[in-house]
Amino acid sequence: MFTWWHEADAPARRALVAASLGWMLDSFDVNLYALVLVNLMPSLGLDRTAAGSIASLTLLVAAAGGLIFGVVADRWGRTRALMASVLLYSVFTAACGFATSAVQLAVFRVGLGLGMGGEWASGAALVSEVWPDRHRAKALAFMQSSWAIGFALAAIVNYTVQVVLGLEWRWVFFVGVVPALFTLWIRRSVPEPAVWRASEHRISAASRISRLFASGAGVTIALALMNASALFAYWGFNTWVPAYLSTAEAAGGRGLTTSTMTALVVANQVGTWFGYVSFGFIADAIGRRRTYVIYLVLAAALVWAFTSVSSVAGLLALGPVASFFATGHFSGFGTVTSELYPTEIRATAQGFTYNIGRLASAFAPRLVGSAAQSHGYPAALTIVAAALLVGALFWVFIPETKGRRIEA
């Protein structure tokens, strides 16, 4: 199964490790917010709508960060952009622990969002340019799968800090500064890809953006809209599922204890990890487009079913399967975009299509939170299932890219 790993050289393997750890720690830092929401909201005097608005603000800024760092990665290098983004989200995650008001928390989440948005574009470009064409989807799938590990790790840290150690939610954020140390290893061990070093770096940011639409504008727009639908579903679901599971049944939730909620979140991330990894193998076998559509359609059905289950056993059984399909498809996005755009604008293209989608999805936490406030969590989470179906429709306009080469 892992013979593909040995078909890449040592720099390629180190690049995959660096991008994967960066994405894992990105997930760890950003998802701490959802896990502490139940205790954070009364502490800072936030209702669900306000808490959702801060999450949406983070995603709006993350979209800007992705656009900025995409250009930075094309102009100054993939590893430099990766290090800068990790430093940003680490420092500002720890700063969230010092917030004493909604405004302060929002400001710190803005800084976190900039770094969070920048990590994916630089990491995906780095991996796509150093791995063999026939294994690119697998490599990017393993990079994407580290998001699930980061989310599960965040749940474990939250439980350890708040339940085992009995500390308040602020200390959960303080742990988030640890990823900053990871940048030292990146600087020492991960070189820039040869294909990037051989490309033209000095074209302007405006020229890079205009080239995205010079040929195939419809494809660029379809990619952005498809990703907007998928990310809307992801953030609408994952921002509120921990609160949904923890809220008392009388208030519309499932009334789970913190330990049971943590176990369910970790179980969901196990399903997510297998979904991410399997997508790469399936996409290399039957094609990117067909695999994407299968995942999105099945995800819509399973997310809707998840909102209808009330027993702990049912949630534990269905949650990982729903997560398998509802998030596994994200493994394919970096592969498709890397194969559609040339080296000199690759990170810009990935940053643009991914983060324009993130910009639209930024409204998901607020919209789902408001719907949960007025109509209850199950009705609100049904919006997520509809978004997944809409995302599948955009694949009518996106070509199959399996087998395309990335040349130096």
Protein backbone atom coordinates (compact mmCIF):
# COMPACT_ATOMS: atom_id res chain seq x y z
CA MET A 1 0.00 0.00 0.00
CA PHE A 2 2.85 2.39 0.84
CA THR A 3 5.20 1.51 -2.03
CA TRP A 4 4.23 4.89 -3.55
CA TRP A 5 5.94 6.61 -0.60
CA HIS A 6 9.33 5.20 -1.61
CA GLU A 7 8.95 6.25 -5.25
CA ALA A 8 9.49 9.90 -4.23
CA ASP A 9 12.88 11.28 -3.23
CA ALA A 10 13.82 12.45 0.28
CA PRO A 11 13.12 16.20 -0.36
CA ALA A 12 9.63 15.29 -1.61
CA ARG A 13 8.92 13.23 1.48
CA ARG A 14 10.13 16.03 3.76
CA ALA A 15 7.97 18.52 1.88
CA LEU A 16 4.93 16.30 2.43
CA VAL A 17 5.74 15.98 6.14
CA ALA A 18 6.15 19.76 6.45
CA ALA A 19 2.91 20.59 4.63
CA SER A 20 1.03 17.90 6.56
CA LEU A 21 2.24 19.08 9.96
CA GLY A 22 1.47 22.69 9.02
CA TRP A 23 -2.08 21.73 8.02
CA MET A 24 -2.53 19.54 11.11
CA LEU A 25 -1.46 22.36 13.42
CA ASP A 26 -3.62 24.81 11.47
CA SER A 27 -6.60 22.54 12.16
CA PHE A 28 -5.59 22.17 15.80
CA ASP A 29 -5.48 25.93 16.37
CA VAL A 30 -8.58 26.98 14.45
CA ASN A 31 -10.85 24.23 15.81
CA LEU A 32 -10.11 25.02 19.45
CA TYR A 33 -12.72 27.77 19.12
CA ALA A 34 -15.59 25.39 18.36
CA LEU A 35 -14.57 23.12 21.22
CA VAL A 36 -14.57 25.85 23.90
CA LEU A 37 -17.69 27.67 22.65
CA VAL A 38 -20.04 26.27 25.29
CA ASN A 39 -17.88 27.72 28.10
CA LEU A 40 -16.58 30.75 26.21
CA MET A 41 -20.01 32.18 25.33
CA PRO A 42 -21.25 32.81 28.90
CA SER A 43 -17.79 33.98 29.98
CA LEU A 44 -17.71 36.74 27.35
CA GLY A 45 -21.48 37.31 27.21
CA LEU A 46 -21.98 35.96 23.66
CA ASP A 47 -25.13 34.40 22.23
CA ARG A 48 -25.08 31.88 19.37
CA THR A 49 -25.44 34.53 16.69
CA ALA A 50 -22.53 36.59 18.04
CA ALA A 51 -20.33 33.51 18.44
CA GLY A 52 -21.17 32.46 14.90
CA SER A 53 -20.37 35.96 13.64
CA ILE A 54 -16.86 35.79 15.12
CA ALA A 55 -16.31 32.41 13.46
CA SER A 56 -17.53 33.88 10.18
CA LEU A 57 -15.19 36.85 10.57
CA THR A 58 -12.28 34.44 11.01
CA LEU A 59 -13.17 32.74 7.72
CA LEU A 60 -13.59 36.06 5.91
CA VAL A 61 -10.10 37.09 6.93
CA ALA A 62 -8.79 33.60 6.15
CA ALA A 63 -10.01 34.12 2.58
CA ALA A 64 -7.95 37.30 2.36
CA GLY A 65 -4.99 35.50 3.93
CA GLY A 66 -5.24 32.74 1.36
CA LEU A 67 -5.25 35.22 -1.52
CA ILE A 68 -2.29 37.13 -0.07
CA PHE A 69 -0.20 34.09 0.75
CA GLY A 70 -0.94 32.50 -2.62
CA VAL A 71 0.78 35.46 -4.28
CA VAL A 72 3.54 35.42 -1.63
CA ALA A 73 4.20 31.71 -2.27
CA ASP A 74 4.45 32.28 -6.05
CA ARG A 75 6.68 35.34 -5.63
CA TRP A 76 8.95 34.50 -2.66
CA GLY A 77 8.65 30.75 -2.26
CA ARG A 78 6.46 27.98 -0.90
CA THR A 79 8.45 27.29 2.28
CA ARG A 80 8.78 30.97 3.22
CA ALA A 81 5.02 31.45 2.89
CA LEU A 82 4.41 28.26 4.87
CA MET A 83 6.60 29.44 7.77
CA ALA A 84 5.00 32.89 7.90
CA SER A 85 1.48 31.47 7.98
CA VAL A 86 2.30 29.01 10.80
CA LEU A 87 3.79 31.80 12.91
CA LEU A 88 0.73 33.99 12.43
CA TYR A 89 -1.90 31.45 13.40
CA SER A 90 0.15 30.18 16.37
CA VAL A 91 0.74 33.56 17.97
CA PHE A 92 -2.82 34.79 17.54
CA THR A 93 -4.34 31.55 18.80
CA ALA A 94 -2.50 32.06 22.09
CA ALA A 95 -3.64 35.71 22.11
CA CYS A 96 -7.29 34.53 22.09
CA GLY A 97 -6.72 33.29 25.62
CA PHE A 98 -6.22 36.88 26.79
CA ALA A 99 -9.53 38.17 25.36
CA THR A 100 -11.87 39.81 27.86
CA SER A 101 -14.52 40.98 25.40
CA ALA A 102 -16.10 40.00 22.10
CA VAL A 103 -14.20 42.78 20.33
CA GLN A 104 -10.81 41.62 21.60
CA LEU A 105 -11.60 38.03 20.68
CA ALA A 106 -12.64 39.13 17.18
CA VAL A 107 -9.38 41.06 16.70
CA PHE A 108 -7.27 38.06 17.71
CA ARG A 109 -9.31 35.75 15.46
CA VAL A 110 -8.57 38.12 12.57
CA GLY A 111 -4.83 37.58 13.05
CA LEU A 112 -5.36 33.82 13.33
CA GLY A 113 -7.46 33.84 10.16
CA LEU A 114 -4.71 35.46 8.10
CA GLY A 115 -2.29 32.69 8.96
CA MET A 116 -4.88 29.95 8.68
CA GLY A 117 -5.84 31.05 5.17
CA GLY A 118 -2.25 31.19 3.99
CA GLU A 119 -1.12 27.72 5.05
CA TRP A 120 -3.14 25.62 2.61
CA ALA A 121 -2.17 27.35 -0.64
CA SER A 122 1.57 27.28 0.07
CA GLY A 123 1.52 23.70 1.40
CA ALA A 124 -0.56 22.31 -1.46
CA ALA A 125 1.66 23.99 -4.08
CA LEU A 126 4.78 22.67 -2.33
CA VAL A 127 3.58 19.06 -2.30
CA SER A 128 2.11 19.06 -5.81
CA GLU A 129 5.37 20.27 -7.35
CA VAL A 130 7.71 17.68 -5.83
CA TRP A 131 5.68 14.46 -6.01
CA PRO A 132 5.46 12.16 -9.08
CA ASP A 133 2.35 12.75 -11.22
CA ARG A 134 0.96 9.24 -10.68
CA HIS A 135 1.05 9.66 -6.89
CA ARG A 136 0.12 13.35 -6.55
CA ALA A 137 -3.46 12.70 -5.43
CA LYS A 138 -2.27 10.24 -2.78
CA ALA A 139 0.34 12.66 -1.43
CA LEU A 140 -2.11 15.55 -1.25
CA ALA A 141 -4.69 13.23 0.33
CA PHE A 142 -2.26 12.42 3.14
CA MET A 143 -1.52 16.12 3.55
CA GLN A 144 -5.24 16.86 3.78
CA SER A 145 -5.80 13.95 6.18
CA SER A 146 -3.64 15.69 8.78
CA TRP A 147 -6.52 18.16 9.28
CA ALA A 148 -8.50 15.36 10.95
CA ILE A 149 -5.57 14.55 13.23
CA GLY A 150 -5.33 18.21 14.23
CA PHE A 151 -9.06 18.39 15.00
CA ALA A 152 -8.92 15.21 17.10
CA LEU A 153 -5.83 16.51 18.90
CA ALA A 154 -7.66 19.76 19.64
CA ALA A 155 -10.55 17.81 21.17
CA ILE A 156 -8.14 15.82 23.34
CA VAL A 157 -6.30 18.96 24.49
CA ASN A 158 -9.59 20.70 25.27
CA TYR A 159 -10.72 17.73 27.38
CA THR A 160 -7.37 17.48 29.15
CA VAL A 161 -7.16 21.18 29.97
CA GLN A 162 -10.78 21.81 30.99
CA VAL A 163 -11.86 18.48 32.46
CA VAL A 164 -8.75 16.64 33.63
CA LEU A 165 -6.78 19.69 34.80
CA GLY A 166 -9.84 21.79 35.68
CA LEU A 167 -8.48 24.94 34.00
CA GLU A 168 -10.69 27.48 32.24
CA TRP A 169 -11.09 27.73 28.47
CA ARG A 170 -8.34 30.38 28.14
CA TRP A 171 -5.63 27.79 28.77
CA VAL A 172 -6.84 25.77 25.81
CA PHE A 173 -5.89 28.68 23.55
CA PHE A 174 -2.52 29.16 25.26
CA VAL A 175 -1.51 25.67 24.11
CA GLY A 176 -2.03 26.90 20.54
CA VAL A 177 1.27 28.78 20.49
CA VAL A 178 3.26 25.51 20.35
CA PRO A 179 3.11 25.15 16.51
CA ALA A 180 5.32 28.25 16.17
CA LEU A 181 8.32 26.06 17.07
CA PHE A 182 7.65 23.90 14.00
CA THR A 183 8.86 26.70 11.69
CA LEU A 184 12.45 26.11 12.82
CA TRP A 185 12.42 22.61 11.32
CA ILE A 186 10.85 23.84 8.05
CA ARG A 187 13.57 26.47 7.62
CA ARG A 188 16.35 23.92 8.13
CA SER A 189 14.99 20.88 6.30
CA VAL A 190 12.64 21.79 3.42
CA PRO A 191 14.06 23.36 0.22
CA GLU A 192 12.02 25.19 -2.41
CA PRO A 193 10.81 22.94 -5.28
CA ALA A 194 13.01 22.86 -8.39
CA VAL A 195 9.99 23.58 -10.58
CA TRP A 196 9.37 26.80 -8.63
CA ARG A 197 13.03 27.87 -8.78
CA ALA A 198 12.94 27.47 -12.56
CA SER A 199 9.76 29.51 -13.04
CA GLU A 200 9.15 33.24 -13.48
CA HIS A 201 8.66 34.87 -10.06
CA ARG A 202 8.61 38.56 -10.84
CA ILE A 203 5.24 39.07 -12.53
CA SER A 204 2.92 41.33 -10.57
CA ALA A 205 0.12 40.15 -8.31
CA ALA A 206 -2.43 41.74 -10.67
CA SER A 207 -0.93 39.85 -13.62
CA ARG A 208 -1.14 36.58 -11.71
CA ILE A 209 -4.83 37.11 -10.96
CA SER A 210 -5.63 38.16 -14.53
CA ARG A 211 -3.95 35.02 -15.89
CA LEU A 212 -6.41 32.88 -13.93
CA PHE A 213 -9.12 34.17 -16.26
CA ALA A 214 -7.11 34.56 -19.47
CA SER A 215 -8.16 31.07 -20.52
CA GLY A 216 -10.82 28.96 -18.90
CA ALA A 217 -12.50 31.64 -16.82
CA GLY A 218 -15.54 29.39 -16.47
CA VAL A 219 -13.45 26.64 -14.89
CA THR A 220 -11.90 29.05 -12.37
CA ILE A 221 -15.35 30.35 -11.41
CA ALA A 222 -16.80 26.83 -11.17
CA LEU A 223 -13.92 25.69 -8.94
CA ALA A 224 -14.42 28.66 -6.62
CA LEU A 225 -18.19 28.12 -6.40
CA MET A 226 -17.88 24.38 -5.90
CA ASN A 227 -15.41 24.95 -3.09
CA ALA A 228 -17.65 27.65 -1.63
CA SER A 229 -20.48 25.12 -1.34
CA ALA A 230 -18.22 22.46 0.18
CA LEU A 231 -16.60 24.85 2.67
CA PHE A 232 -19.97 26.35 3.59
CA ALA A 233 -21.09 22.84 4.50
CA TYR A 234 -17.88 22.08 6.42
CA TRP A 235 -17.86 25.20 8.58
CA GLY A 236 -21.61 25.24 9.06
CA PHE A 237 -21.41 21.68 10.36
CA ASN A 238 -18.17 21.61 12.35
CA THR A 239 -18.51 25.00 14.03
CA TRP A 240 -21.76 23.95 15.66
CA VAL A 241 -21.65 20.16 16.07
CA PRO A 242 -19.69 20.27 19.40
CA ALA A 243 -22.16 22.82 20.80
CA TYR A 244 -25.10 20.83 19.37
CA LEU A 245 -23.90 17.67 21.08
CA SER A 246 -23.15 19.42 24.39
CA THR A 247 -26.27 21.60 24.67
CA ALA A 248 -29.04 20.25 26.93
CA GLU A 249 -31.88 18.40 25.22
CA ALA A 250 -34.38 20.91 26.59
CA ALA A 251 -32.49 23.63 24.66
CA GLY A 252 -32.47 21.64 21.40
CA GLY A 253 -29.17 19.77 21.72
CA ARG A 254 -28.25 16.18 22.57
CA GLY A 255 -27.14 16.78 26.17
CA LEU A 256 -23.89 14.82 25.97
CA THR A 257 -21.23 15.17 28.65
CA THR A 258 -17.89 16.73 27.71
CA SER A 259 -16.19 13.33 27.73
CA THR A 260 -18.83 11.77 25.47
CA MET A 261 -18.79 14.76 23.14
CA THR A 262 -15.00 14.53 22.95
CA ALA A 263 -15.18 10.82 22.14
CA LEU A 264 -17.68 11.51 19.36
CA VAL A 265 -15.59 14.34 17.88
CA VAL A 266 -12.49 12.11 17.91
CA ALA A 267 -14.48 9.25 16.32
CA ASN A 268 -15.70 11.61 13.62
CA GLN A 269 -12.12 12.64 12.89
CA VAL A 270 -11.12 9.00 12.52
CA GLY A 271 -13.79 8.73 9.82
CA THR A 272 -12.57 11.99 8.32
CA TRP A 273 -8.96 10.74 8.17
CA PHE A 274 -9.95 7.59 6.30
CA GLY A 275 -12.13 9.69 3.98
CA TYR A 276 -9.23 11.99 3.14
CA VAL A 277 -6.78 9.18 2.49
CA SER A 278 -9.15 6.97 0.52
CA PHE A 279 -10.06 9.87 -1.77
CA GLY A 280 -6.48 10.05 -3.06
CA PHE A 281 -6.32 6.36 -3.96
CA ILE A 282 -9.79 6.36 -5.55
CA ALA A 283 -9.10 9.58 -7.50
CA ASP A 284 -5.83 8.14 -8.87
CA ALA A 285 -7.77 5.04 -9.94
CA ILE A 286 -11.08 6.34 -11.40
CA GLY A 287 -10.49 10.06 -11.82
CA ARG A 288 -10.86 13.24 -9.80
CA ARG A 289 -14.28 14.39 -10.99
CA ARG A 290 -16.15 11.12 -10.56
CA THR A 291 -14.72 10.60 -7.06
CA TYR A 292 -15.63 14.14 -6.00
CA VAL A 293 -19.26 13.81 -7.09
CA ILE A 294 -19.69 10.44 -5.35
CA TYR A 295 -18.35 11.84 -2.08
CA LEU A 296 -20.45 15.03 -2.17
CA VAL A 297 -23.76 13.28 -2.93
CA LEU A 298 -23.27 10.59 -0.28
CA ALA A 299 -22.17 13.27 2.20
CA ALA A 300 -25.41 15.20 1.70
CA ALA A 301 -27.50 12.13 2.51
CA LEU A 302 -25.44 11.15 5.55
CA VAL A 303 -25.29 14.65 7.09
CA TRP A 304 -29.07 14.89 6.86
CA ALA A 305 -29.35 11.48 8.52
CA PHE A 306 -26.96 12.59 11.32
CA THR A 307 -29.37 15.34 12.36
CA SER A 308 -32.14 12.77 12.78
CA VAL A 309 -30.26 10.50 15.21
CA SER A 310 -30.67 11.03 18.95
CA SER A 311 -29.04 8.07 20.71
CA VAL A 312 -25.35 8.11 21.61
CA ALA A 313 -24.85 4.75 19.89
CA GLY A 314 -26.48 6.07 16.72
CA LEU A 315 -24.36 9.22 16.75
CA LEU A 316 -21.17 7.21 17.28
CA ALA A 317 -22.09 4.86 14.43
CA LEU A 318 -23.22 7.45 11.89
CA GLY A 319 -20.87 10.34 12.73
CA PRO A 320 -17.63 8.79 11.41
CA VAL A 321 -19.34 7.58 8.21
CA ALA A 322 -20.86 11.02 7.55
CA SER A 323 -17.47 12.63 8.22
CA PHE A 324 -15.77 10.15 5.87
CA PHE A 325 -17.67 11.54 2.87
CA ALA A 326 -18.47 15.07 4.08
CA THR A 327 -14.82 16.04 4.46
CA GLY A 328 -12.85 13.40 2.54
CA HIS A 329 -13.47 15.14 -0.77
CA PHE A 330 -11.27 18.10 0.23
CA SER A 331 -8.25 15.92 -0.57
CA GLY A 332 -8.99 16.37 -4.25
CA PHE A 333 -9.03 20.14 -4.43
CA GLY A 334 -5.27 20.70 -4.27
CA THR A 335 -4.74 17.96 -6.85
CA VAL A 336 -7.21 19.38 -9.36
CA THR A 337 -5.99 22.97 -9.06
CA SER A 338 -2.32 21.99 -9.26
CA GLU A 339 -3.03 20.12 -12.50
CA LEU A 340 -5.08 22.92 -14.07
CA TYR A 341 -2.70 25.88 -13.63
CA PRO A 342 1.00 26.51 -14.53
CA THR A 343 3.78 26.80 -11.95
CA GLU A 344 4.16 30.59 -12.04
CA ILE A 345 0.54 31.10 -10.92
CA ARG A 346 -0.15 27.74 -9.24
CA ALA A 347 -0.21 28.92 -5.61
CA THR A 348 -2.09 32.07 -6.63
CA ALA A 349 -4.69 29.90 -8.40
CA GLN A 350 -4.99 27.59 -5.41
CA GLY A 351 -5.22 30.52 -3.03
CA PHE A 352 -7.81 32.27 -5.20
CA THR A 353 -10.14 29.34 -5.93
CA TYR A 354 -9.91 27.93 -2.41
CA ASN A 355 -10.28 31.23 -0.59
CA ILE A 356 -12.93 32.84 -2.75
CA GLY A 357 -14.82 29.72 -1.77
CA ARG A 358 -13.86 30.29 1.85
CA LEU A 359 -15.05 33.90 1.55
CA ALA A 360 -18.54 32.74 0.63
CA SER A 361 -18.45 29.99 3.24
CA ALA A 362 -17.64 32.53 5.94
CA PHE A 363 -21.35 33.22 6.27
CA ALA A 364 -22.02 29.61 7.26
CA PRO A 365 -21.28 29.80 11.03
CA ARG A 366 -23.48 32.88 11.44
CA LEU A 367 -26.28 31.56 9.22
CA VAL A 368 -26.34 28.13 10.82
CA GLY A 369 -26.01 29.67 14.29
CA SER A 370 -28.94 32.02 13.64
CA ALA A 371 -31.03 29.17 12.22
CA ALA A 372 -30.20 27.05 15.27
CA GLN A 373 -31.27 29.94 17.51
CA SER A 374 -34.66 30.29 15.81
CA HIS A 375 -35.45 26.81 14.44
CA GLY A 376 -33.23 24.39 16.36
CA TYR A 377 -30.02 22.56 15.48
CA PRO A 378 -31.43 19.76 13.27
CA ALA A 379 -33.21 22.21 10.96
CA ALA A 380 -30.12 24.43 10.82
CA LEU A 381 -27.79 21.55 9.96
CA THR A 382 -30.07 20.49 7.10
CA ILE A 383 -28.76 23.60 5.31
CA VAL A 384 -25.38 21.88 5.29
CA ALA A 385 -26.73 18.88 3.37
CA ALA A 386 -28.25 21.16 0.73
CA ALA A 387 -24.92 22.97 0.26
CA LEU A 388 -23.16 19.66 -0.43
CA LEU A 389 -25.63 18.82 -3.20
CA VAL A 390 -25.15 22.24 -4.78
CA GLY A 391 -21.38 21.68 -4.76
CA ALA A 392 -21.77 18.43 -6.71
CA LEU A 393 -23.63 20.27 -9.50
CA PHE A 394 -20.65 22.52 -10.30
CA TRP A 395 -18.60 19.52 -11.45
CA VAL A 396 -20.49 19.72 -14.74
CA PHE A 397 -18.15 22.64 -15.61
CA ILE A 398 -14.83 21.27 -14.25
CA PRO A 399 -12.72 18.99 -16.50
CA GLU A 400 -11.09 15.73 -15.51
CA THR A 401 -7.36 16.25 -14.77
CA LYS A 402 -6.13 12.74 -14.03
CA GLY A 403 -2.81 12.09 -15.77
CA ARG A 404 -1.78 15.72 -16.33
CA ARG A 405 1.93 16.41 -15.80
CA ILE A 406 3.64 19.22 -13.89
CA GLU A 407 6.78 20.13 -15.79
CA ALA A 408 9.91 21.87 -14.50
